């Protein structure tokens, strides 16, 4: 999935003229809201396909249920991926930059490029404050923890899967709750095997607890991000294109 998404992102117009940042043997481009919106539109095909190929029960839901599950997953996917790929790709000592997608990043020193087309000074000032607060919060609650415990790729994938089948998101939907419970049990068992057999850990209680703390913070952040997204909308962040707002707001009626 990641190779296909990487190639897709490179084909989205706008990256060729953007400022760039080189790290981990890769070149990343500064993201703009317009380009981020296009990438998020296009990535849904790859994410949906991956989920259907990985979780057989997903195909048993009708279209509206699949739409709901995908949409409620997007906020956690965005924050977890952004934190993980920042942790994997960008130097620990820099705090201004964070990955937005697989190939784009945000820079607190150049937020004008991200928000673009904003010509009301008060809006720009307020937008920058909200975005800075949001980015620093994600860094403190997720990125710094990932670095601290040296999160593995297996654990990262488990966090994504648990977020997809989160009890918090699917509560009140009987079939989805039942399917999600089954998959969560499998994910926990897979982690058990990973620690016991691959990492040869006799006592992994602390390690498992650290990963679950990350999961809880990711779930709590979804609420915080929803509030910040509303503030960004209030300051006209999405006056041209509301796609990013609709996805990150977790609105099942949105376009994701």
C-alpha atoms as a PDB file:
ATOM      1  CA  UNK A   1       0.000   0.000   0.000  1.00  0.00           C
ATOM      2  CA  UNK A   2       2.734   2.477   0.915  1.00  0.00           C
ATOM      3  CA  UNK A   3       4.673   2.098  -2.339  1.00  0.00           C
ATOM      4  CA  UNK A   4       1.512   2.772  -4.354  1.00  0.00           C
ATOM      5  CA  UNK A   5       0.567   5.752  -2.214  1.00  0.00           C
ATOM      6  CA  UNK A   6       4.097   7.181  -2.423  1.00  0.00           C
ATOM      7  CA  UNK A   7       4.015   6.975  -6.229  1.00  0.00           C
ATOM      8  CA  UNK A   8       0.537   8.522  -6.301  1.00  0.00           C
ATOM      9  CA  UNK A   9       1.604  11.469  -4.138  1.00  0.00           C
ATOM     10  CA  UNK A  10       4.563  12.242  -6.364  1.00  0.00           C
ATOM     11  CA  UNK A  11       2.183  12.567  -9.311  1.00  0.00           C
ATOM     12  CA  UNK A  12      -0.043  15.136  -7.571  1.00  0.00           C
ATOM     13  CA  UNK A  13       0.708  18.586  -9.068  1.00  0.00           C
ATOM     14  CA  UNK A  14       2.336  21.244  -6.923  1.00  0.00           C
ATOM     15  CA  UNK A  15       5.263  19.362  -5.460  1.00  0.00           C
ATOM     16  CA  UNK A  16       7.696  20.329  -8.189  1.00  0.00           C
ATOM     17  CA  UNK A  17       7.701  24.003  -7.162  1.00  0.00           C
ATOM     18  CA  UNK A  18       7.481  23.496  -3.392  1.00  0.00           C
ATOM     19  CA  UNK A  19      10.347  23.979  -0.932  1.00  0.00           C
ATOM     20  CA  UNK A  20      11.945  20.644  -0.076  1.00  0.00           C
ATOM     21  CA  UNK A  21      13.625  18.967   2.877  1.00  0.00           C
ATOM     22  CA  UNK A  22      16.013  16.025   2.619  1.00  0.00           C
ATOM     23  CA  UNK A  23      16.222  13.402   5.356  1.00  0.00           C
ATOM     24  CA  UNK A  24      16.692   9.638   5.674  1.00  0.00           C
ATOM     25  CA  UNK A  25      17.827   9.484   2.048  1.00  0.00           C
ATOM     26  CA  UNK A  26      14.519  10.907   0.808  1.00  0.00           C
ATOM     27  CA  UNK A  27      13.308  14.282  -0.411  1.00  0.00           C
ATOM     28  CA  UNK A  28      10.049  15.639   0.998  1.00  0.00           C
ATOM     29  CA  UNK A  29       8.120  18.673  -0.230  1.00  0.00           C
ATOM     30  CA  UNK A  30       6.427  21.352   1.846  1.00  0.00           C
ATOM     31  CA  UNK A  31       2.695  20.744   1.807  1.00  0.00           C
ATOM     32  CA  UNK A  32      -0.052  23.144   0.816  1.00  0.00           C
ATOM     33  CA  UNK A  33      -3.711  22.741   1.726  1.00  0.00           C
ATOM     34  CA  UNK A  34      -4.653  22.328  -1.944  1.00  0.00           C
ATOM     35  CA  UNK A  35      -2.130  19.542  -2.479  1.00  0.00           C
ATOM     36  CA  UNK A  36      -3.004  17.883   0.835  1.00  0.00           C
ATOM     37  CA  UNK A  37      -6.660  17.848  -0.176  1.00  0.00           C
ATOM     38  CA  UNK A  38      -5.882  16.182  -3.514  1.00  0.00           C
ATOM     39  CA  UNK A  39      -3.654  13.573  -1.881  1.00  0.00           C
ATOM     40  CA  UNK A  40      -6.303  12.739   0.723  1.00  0.00           C
ATOM     41  CA  UNK A  41      -8.900  12.316  -2.022  1.00  0.00           C
ATOM     42  CA  UNK A  42      -6.689   9.964  -4.007  1.00  0.00           C
ATOM     43  CA  UNK A  43      -5.401   7.935  -1.065  1.00  0.00           C
ATOM     44  CA  UNK A  44      -8.870   6.713  -0.084  1.00  0.00           C
ATOM     45  CA  UNK A  45      -8.809   4.206  -2.952  1.00  0.00           C
ATOM     46  CA  UNK A  46      -5.594   2.639  -1.669  1.00  0.00           C
ATOM     47  CA  UNK A  47      -6.660   2.634   1.972  1.00  0.00           C
ATOM     48  CA  UNK A  48     -10.049   1.109   1.201  1.00  0.00           C
ATOM     49  CA  UNK A  49      -8.471  -1.565  -0.992  1.00  0.00           C
ATOM     50  CA  UNK A  50      -5.911  -2.445   1.685  1.00  0.00           C
ATOM     51  CA  UNK A  51      -8.604  -2.780   4.353  1.00  0.00           C
ATOM     52  CA  UNK A  52     -10.717  -5.028   2.125  1.00  0.00           C
ATOM     53  CA  UNK A  53      -7.717  -7.235   1.335  1.00  0.00           C
ATOM     54  CA  UNK A  54      -6.636  -7.438   4.995  1.00  0.00           C
ATOM     55  CA  UNK A  55      -9.951  -7.778   6.838  1.00  0.00           C
ATOM     56  CA  UNK A  56     -12.366 -10.150   5.088  1.00  0.00           C
ATOM     57  CA  UNK A  57     -15.359  -9.058   7.161  1.00  0.00           C
ATOM     58  CA  UNK A  58     -15.128  -5.515   5.813  1.00  0.00           C
ATOM     59  CA  UNK A  59     -16.703  -6.714   2.554  1.00  0.00           C
ATOM     60  CA  UNK A  60     -19.788  -7.904   4.452  1.00  0.00           C
ATOM     61  CA  UNK A  61     -20.744  -4.344   5.401  1.00  0.00           C
ATOM     62  CA  UNK A  62     -22.929  -2.358   3.048  1.00  0.00           C
ATOM     63  CA  UNK A  63     -21.554   0.735   1.328  1.00  0.00           C
ATOM     64  CA  UNK A  64     -22.811   3.195   3.934  1.00  0.00           C
ATOM     65  CA  UNK A  65     -21.312   1.125   6.768  1.00  0.00           C
ATOM     66  CA  UNK A  66     -17.967   0.853   4.978  1.00  0.00           C
ATOM     67  CA  UNK A  67     -18.065   4.596   4.432  1.00  0.00           C
ATOM     68  CA  UNK A  68     -18.708   5.192   8.133  1.00  0.00           C
ATOM     69  CA  UNK A  69     -15.875   2.894   9.274  1.00  0.00           C
ATOM     70  CA  UNK A  70     -13.412   4.454   6.841  1.00  0.00           C
ATOM     71  CA  UNK A  71     -14.380   8.000   7.683  1.00  0.00           C
ATOM     72  CA  UNK A  72     -14.154   7.537  11.446  1.00  0.00           C
ATOM     73  CA  UNK A  73     -10.705   5.988  10.932  1.00  0.00           C
ATOM     74  CA  UNK A  74      -9.257   8.943   9.034  1.00  0.00           C
ATOM     75  CA  UNK A  75      -8.357  11.218  11.945  1.00  0.00           C
ATOM     76  CA  UNK A  76      -6.402   8.504  13.767  1.00  0.00           C
ATOM     77  CA  UNK A  77      -4.763   7.392  10.526  1.00  0.00           C
ATOM     78  CA  UNK A  78      -3.621  10.924   9.765  1.00  0.00           C
ATOM     79  CA  UNK A  79      -2.187  11.663  13.208  1.00  0.00           C
ATOM     80  CA  UNK A  80      -0.565   8.240  13.673  1.00  0.00           C
ATOM     81  CA  UNK A  81       0.994   8.188  10.215  1.00  0.00           C
ATOM     82  CA  UNK A  82       2.180  11.770  10.494  1.00  0.00           C
ATOM     83  CA  UNK A  83       3.813  11.060  13.846  1.00  0.00           C
ATOM     84  CA  UNK A  84       5.307   7.718  12.814  1.00  0.00           C
ATOM     85  CA  UNK A  85       6.839   8.915   9.550  1.00  0.00           C
ATOM     86  CA  UNK A  86       8.192  12.002  11.296  1.00  0.00           C
ATOM     87  CA  UNK A  87       9.767   9.686  13.878  1.00  0.00           C
ATOM     88  CA  UNK A  88      11.193   7.444  11.154  1.00  0.00           C
ATOM     89  CA  UNK A  89      12.318  10.086   8.667  1.00  0.00           C
ATOM     90  CA  UNK A  90      13.052  13.438  10.314  1.00  0.00           C
ATOM     91  CA  UNK A  91      15.834  14.271  12.796  1.00  0.00           C
ATOM     92  CA  UNK A  92      14.784  14.136  16.441  1.00  0.00           C
ATOM     93  CA  UNK A  93      16.405  17.487  17.239  1.00  0.00           C
ATOM     94  CA  UNK A  94      14.201  19.524  14.913  1.00  0.00           C
ATOM     95  CA  UNK A  95      10.753  20.445  16.224  1.00  0.00           C
ATOM     96  CA  UNK A  96       9.327  22.698  13.502  1.00  0.00           C
ATOM     97  CA  UNK A  97       8.620  20.068  10.850  1.00  0.00           C
ATOM     98  CA  UNK A  98       6.162  17.179  10.852  1.00  0.00           C
ATOM     99  CA  UNK A  99       5.042  14.865   8.092  1.00  0.00           C
ATOM    100  CA  UNK A 100       1.586  15.579   6.679  1.00  0.00           C
ATOM    101  CA  UNK A 101       1.502  12.656   4.245  1.00  0.00           C
ATOM    102  CA  UNK A 102       4.095  10.150   3.030  1.00  0.00           C
ATOM    103  CA  UNK A 103       5.875  12.763   0.895  1.00  0.00           C
ATOM    104  CA  UNK A 104       4.812  16.143   2.317  1.00  0.00           C
ATOM    105  CA  UNK A 105       5.517  17.965   5.566  1.00  0.00           C
ATOM    106  CA  UNK A 106       4.442  21.066   7.445  1.00  0.00           C
ATOM    107  CA  UNK A 107       6.857  23.658   8.808  1.00  0.00           C
ATOM    108  CA  UNK A 108       5.904  25.922  11.697  1.00  0.00           C
ATOM    109  CA  UNK A 109       8.335  28.496  10.285  1.00  0.00           C
ATOM    110  CA  UNK A 110       6.477  28.607   6.964  1.00  0.00           C
ATOM    111  CA  UNK A 111       2.793  28.055   7.687  1.00  0.00           C
ATOM    112  CA  UNK A 112       1.890  30.665   5.083  1.00  0.00           C
ATOM    113  CA  UNK A 113       2.741  28.078   2.438  1.00  0.00           C
ATOM    114  CA  UNK A 114       0.377  25.542   3.988  1.00  0.00           C
ATOM    115  CA  UNK A 115      -2.605  27.854   4.304  1.00  0.00           C
ATOM    116  CA  UNK A 116      -1.963  29.888   1.100  1.00  0.00           C
ATOM    117  CA  UNK A 117      -4.547  32.177  -0.464  1.00  0.00           C
ATOM    118  CA  UNK A 118      -5.308  33.768   2.883  1.00  0.00           C
ATOM    119  CA  UNK A 119      -5.253  37.546   2.608  1.00  0.00           C
ATOM    120  CA  UNK A 120      -6.890  38.545   5.888  1.00  0.00           C
ATOM    121  CA  UNK A 121      -4.102  39.245   8.430  1.00  0.00           C
ATOM    122  CA  UNK A 122      -6.220  38.354  11.449  1.00  0.00           C
ATOM    123  CA  UNK A 123      -7.147  35.017   9.893  1.00  0.00           C
ATOM    124  CA  UNK A 124      -3.518  34.183   9.151  1.00  0.00           C
ATOM    125  CA  UNK A 125      -2.471  34.993  12.703  1.00  0.00           C
ATOM    126  CA  UNK A 126      -5.236  32.905  14.247  1.00  0.00           C
ATOM    127  CA  UNK A 127      -4.711  30.037  11.814  1.00  0.00           C
ATOM    128  CA  UNK A 128      -1.013  29.886  12.606  1.00  0.00           C
ATOM    129  CA  UNK A 129      -1.720  29.803  16.334  1.00  0.00           C
ATOM    130  CA  UNK A 130      -4.217  26.936  16.014  1.00  0.00           C
ATOM    131  CA  UNK A 131      -2.018  24.909  13.646  1.00  0.00           C
ATOM    132  CA  UNK A 132       1.033  25.396  15.859  1.00  0.00           C
ATOM    133  CA  UNK A 133      -0.916  24.315  18.947  1.00  0.00           C
ATOM    134  CA  UNK A 134      -2.268  21.253  17.134  1.00  0.00           C
ATOM    135  CA  UNK A 135       1.112  20.188  15.783  1.00  0.00           C
ATOM    136  CA  UNK A 136       2.870  20.629  19.121  1.00  0.00           C
ATOM    137  CA  UNK A 137       0.109  18.676  20.875  1.00  0.00           C
ATOM    138  CA  UNK A 138       0.447  15.749  18.458  1.00  0.00           C
ATOM    139  CA  UNK A 139       4.213  15.883  18.889  1.00  0.00           C
ATOM    140  CA  UNK A 140       3.959  15.772  22.694  1.00  0.00           C
ATOM    141  CA  UNK A 141       1.311  13.049  22.900  1.00  0.00           C
ATOM    142  CA  UNK A 142       2.344  10.743  20.046  1.00  0.00           C
ATOM    143  CA  UNK A 143       5.629  11.548  18.319  1.00  0.00           C
ATOM    144  CA  UNK A 144       7.693  12.007  21.480  1.00  0.00           C
ATOM    145  CA  UNK A 145       6.298   8.768  22.902  1.00  0.00           C
ATOM    146  CA  UNK A 146       7.109   6.885  19.697  1.00  0.00           C
ATOM    147  CA  UNK A 147      10.684   8.089  19.898  1.00  0.00           C
ATOM    148  CA  UNK A 148      10.912   7.326  23.614  1.00  0.00           C
ATOM    149  CA  UNK A 149       9.834   3.688  23.321  1.00  0.00           C
ATOM    150  CA  UNK A 150      11.375   3.203  19.835  1.00  0.00           C
ATOM    151  CA  UNK A 151       8.074   2.066  18.340  1.00  0.00           C
ATOM    152  CA  UNK A 152       8.473  -0.810  15.881  1.00  0.00           C
ATOM    153  CA  UNK A 153       6.748  -1.122  12.522  1.00  0.00           C
ATOM    154  CA  UNK A 154       4.750  -4.103  13.814  1.00  0.00           C
ATOM    155  CA  UNK A 155       3.497  -2.042  16.753  1.00  0.00           C
ATOM    156  CA  UNK A 156       2.678   0.882  14.464  1.00  0.00           C
ATOM    157  CA  UNK A 157       0.597  -1.351  12.187  1.00  0.00           C
ATOM    158  CA  UNK A 158      -1.158  -2.777  15.252  1.00  0.00           C
ATOM    159  CA  UNK A 159      -2.034   0.760  16.390  1.00  0.00           C
ATOM    160  CA  UNK A 160      -3.530   1.513  12.976  1.00  0.00           C
ATOM    161  CA  UNK A 161      -5.568  -1.699  13.018  1.00  0.00           C
ATOM    162  CA  UNK A 162      -6.812  -1.063  16.556  1.00  0.00           C
ATOM    163  CA  UNK A 163      -7.814   2.456  15.511  1.00  0.00           C
ATOM    164  CA  UNK A 164      -9.753   1.096  12.538  1.00  0.00           C
ATOM    165  CA  UNK A 165     -11.643  -1.308  14.802  1.00  0.00           C
ATOM    166  CA  UNK A 166     -11.854   1.032  17.776  1.00  0.00           C
ATOM    167  CA  UNK A 167     -14.698   0.413  20.198  1.00  0.00           C
ATOM    168  CA  UNK A 168     -14.927   4.174  20.680  1.00  0.00           C
ATOM    169  CA  UNK A 169     -15.724   4.790  17.010  1.00  0.00           C
ATOM    170  CA  UNK A 170     -18.115   1.908  16.425  1.00  0.00           C
ATOM    171  CA  UNK A 171     -20.122   1.917  19.638  1.00  0.00           C
ATOM    172  CA  UNK A 172     -23.851   1.683  18.912  1.00  0.00           C
ATOM    173  CA  UNK A 173     -23.426  -0.250  15.645  1.00  0.00           C
ATOM    174  CA  UNK A 174     -24.127  -3.850  16.644  1.00  0.00           C
ATOM    175  CA  UNK A 175     -22.550  -5.685  13.716  1.00  0.00           C
ATOM    176  CA  UNK A 176     -19.546  -3.368  13.570  1.00  0.00           C
ATOM    177  CA  UNK A 177     -19.005  -3.799  17.324  1.00  0.00           C
ATOM    178  CA  UNK A 178     -19.076  -7.585  16.968  1.00  0.00           C
ATOM    179  CA  UNK A 179     -16.650  -7.641  14.041  1.00  0.00           C
ATOM    180  CA  UNK A 180     -14.379  -5.092  15.701  1.00  0.00           C
ATOM    181  CA  UNK A 181     -14.218  -7.155  18.898  1.00  0.00           C
ATOM    182  CA  UNK A 182     -13.093 -10.187  16.908  1.00  0.00           C
ATOM    183  CA  UNK A 183     -10.369  -8.257  15.110  1.00  0.00           C
ATOM    184  CA  UNK A 184      -9.120  -6.559  18.272  1.00  0.00           C
ATOM    185  CA  UNK A 185      -8.704  -9.986  19.884  1.00  0.00           C
ATOM    186  CA  UNK A 186      -6.688 -11.135  16.872  1.00  0.00           C
ATOM    187  CA  UNK A 187      -4.523  -8.003  16.928  1.00  0.00           C
ATOM    188  CA  UNK A 188      -3.747  -8.479  20.622  1.00  0.00           C
ATOM    189  CA  UNK A 189      -2.834 -12.115  20.008  1.00  0.00           C
ATOM    190  CA  UNK A 190      -0.606 -11.141  17.071  1.00  0.00           C
ATOM    191  CA  UNK A 191       1.200  -8.687  19.345  1.00  0.00           C
ATOM    192  CA  UNK A 192       1.561 -11.441  21.959  1.00  0.00           C
ATOM    193  CA  UNK A 193       3.199 -13.707  19.358  1.00  0.00           C
ATOM    194  CA  UNK A 194       5.389 -10.848  18.151  1.00  0.00           C
ATOM    195  CA  UNK A 195       6.742 -10.169  21.631  1.00  0.00           C
ATOM    196  CA  UNK A 196       7.056 -13.824  22.634  1.00  0.00           C
ATOM    197  CA  UNK A 197       8.390 -15.398  19.437  1.00  0.00           C
ATOM    198  CA  UNK A 198      10.055 -12.639  17.417  1.00  0.00           C
ATOM    199  CA  UNK A 199      11.409 -10.423  20.176  1.00  0.00           C
ATOM    200  CA  UNK A 200      11.917 -13.215  22.711  1.00  0.00           C
ATOM    201  CA  UNK A 201      10.391 -11.206  25.555  1.00  0.00           C
ATOM    202  CA  UNK A 202       9.385 -13.323  28.550  1.00  0.00           C
ATOM    203  CA  UNK A 203       7.714 -10.390  30.284  1.00  0.00           C
ATOM    204  CA  UNK A 204       6.364  -7.791  27.878  1.00  0.00           C
ATOM    205  CA  UNK A 205       3.752  -6.233  30.170  1.00  0.00           C
ATOM    206  CA  UNK A 206       5.528  -2.872  30.319  1.00  0.00           C
ATOM    207  CA  UNK A 207       6.097  -2.817  26.573  1.00  0.00           C
ATOM    208  CA  UNK A 208       2.477  -3.664  25.825  1.00  0.00           C
ATOM    209  CA  UNK A 209       1.374  -1.007  28.306  1.00  0.00           C
ATOM    210  CA  UNK A 210       3.493   1.645  26.568  1.00  0.00           C
ATOM    211  CA  UNK A 211       1.906   0.813  23.213  1.00  0.00           C
ATOM    212  CA  UNK A 212      -1.595   0.882  24.686  1.00  0.00           C
ATOM    213  CA  UNK A 213      -0.871   4.303  26.214  1.00  0.00           C
ATOM    214  CA  UNK A 214      -0.104   5.492  22.688  1.00  0.00           C
ATOM    215  CA  UNK A 215      -3.383   4.002  21.493  1.00  0.00           C
ATOM    216  CA  UNK A 216      -5.340   5.799  24.215  1.00  0.00           C
ATOM    217  CA  UNK A 217      -3.654   9.116  23.380  1.00  0.00           C
ATOM    218  CA  UNK A 218      -4.436   8.639  19.686  1.00  0.00           C
ATOM    219  CA  UNK A 219      -8.100   8.068  20.552  1.00  0.00           C
ATOM    220  CA  UNK A 220      -8.224  11.119  22.814  1.00  0.00           C
ATOM    221  CA  UNK A 221      -6.474  13.220  20.185  1.00  0.00           C
ATOM    222  CA  UNK A 222      -9.256  12.479  17.724  1.00  0.00           C
ATOM    223  CA  UNK A 223     -11.567  14.588  19.891  1.00  0.00           C
ATOM    224  CA  UNK A 224      -8.983  17.355  20.263  1.00  0.00           C
ATOM    225  CA  UNK A 225      -8.329  17.423  16.517  1.00  0.00           C
ATOM    226  CA  UNK A 226     -12.051  17.659  15.836  1.00  0.00           C
ATOM    227  CA  UNK A 227     -12.198  20.797  17.978  1.00  0.00           C
ATOM    228  CA  UNK A 228      -9.160  22.344  16.286  1.00  0.00           C
ATOM    229  CA  UNK A 229     -10.555  21.529  12.855  1.00  0.00           C
ATOM    230  CA  UNK A 230     -13.670  23.514  13.782  1.00  0.00           C
ATOM    231  CA  UNK A 231     -11.490  26.463  14.823  1.00  0.00           C
ATOM    232  CA  UNK A 232      -9.625  26.313  11.522  1.00  0.00           C
ATOM    233  CA  UNK A 233     -12.946  26.351   9.698  1.00  0.00           C
ATOM    234  CA  UNK A 234     -14.034  29.359  11.768  1.00  0.00           C
ATOM    235  CA  UNK A 235     -10.948  31.218  10.522  1.00  0.00           C
ATOM    236  CA  UNK A 236     -11.755  30.347   6.880  1.00  0.00           C
ATOM    237  CA  UNK A 237      -9.106  27.653   6.427  1.00  0.00           C
ATOM    238  CA  UNK A 238     -11.405  25.691   4.133  1.00  0.00           C
ATOM    239  CA  UNK A 239     -13.205  28.470   2.292  1.00  0.00           C
ATOM    240  CA  UNK A 240     -12.062  27.050  -1.068  1.00  0.00           C
ATOM    241  CA  UNK A 241     -11.975  23.283  -0.457  1.00  0.00           C
ATOM    242  CA  UNK A 242     -13.618  21.521   2.508  1.00  0.00           C
ATOM    243  CA  UNK A 243     -12.309  18.008   1.804  1.00  0.00           C
ATOM    244  CA  UNK A 244      -9.623  17.998   4.503  1.00  0.00           C
ATOM    245  CA  UNK A 245     -12.151  19.358   7.016  1.00  0.00           C
ATOM    246  CA  UNK A 246     -14.728  16.706   6.139  1.00  0.00           C
ATOM    247  CA  UNK A 247     -12.210  13.874   6.450  1.00  0.00           C
ATOM    248  CA  UNK A 248     -10.521  14.926   9.671  1.00  0.00           C
ATOM    249  CA  UNK A 249     -13.779  15.930  11.313  1.00  0.00           C
ATOM    250  CA  UNK A 250     -14.833  12.287  11.192  1.00  0.00           C
ATOM    251  CA  UNK A 251     -18.239  13.081   9.738  1.00  0.00           C
ATOM    252  CA  UNK A 252     -19.754   9.895   8.274  1.00  0.00           C
ATOM    253  CA  UNK A 253     -21.773  12.017   5.875  1.00  0.00           C
ATOM    254  CA  UNK A 254     -18.635  13.625   4.441  1.00  0.00           C
ATOM    255  CA  UNK A 255     -16.919  12.780   1.170  1.00  0.00           C
ATOM    256  CA  UNK A 256     -14.118  10.455   2.339  1.00  0.00           C
END
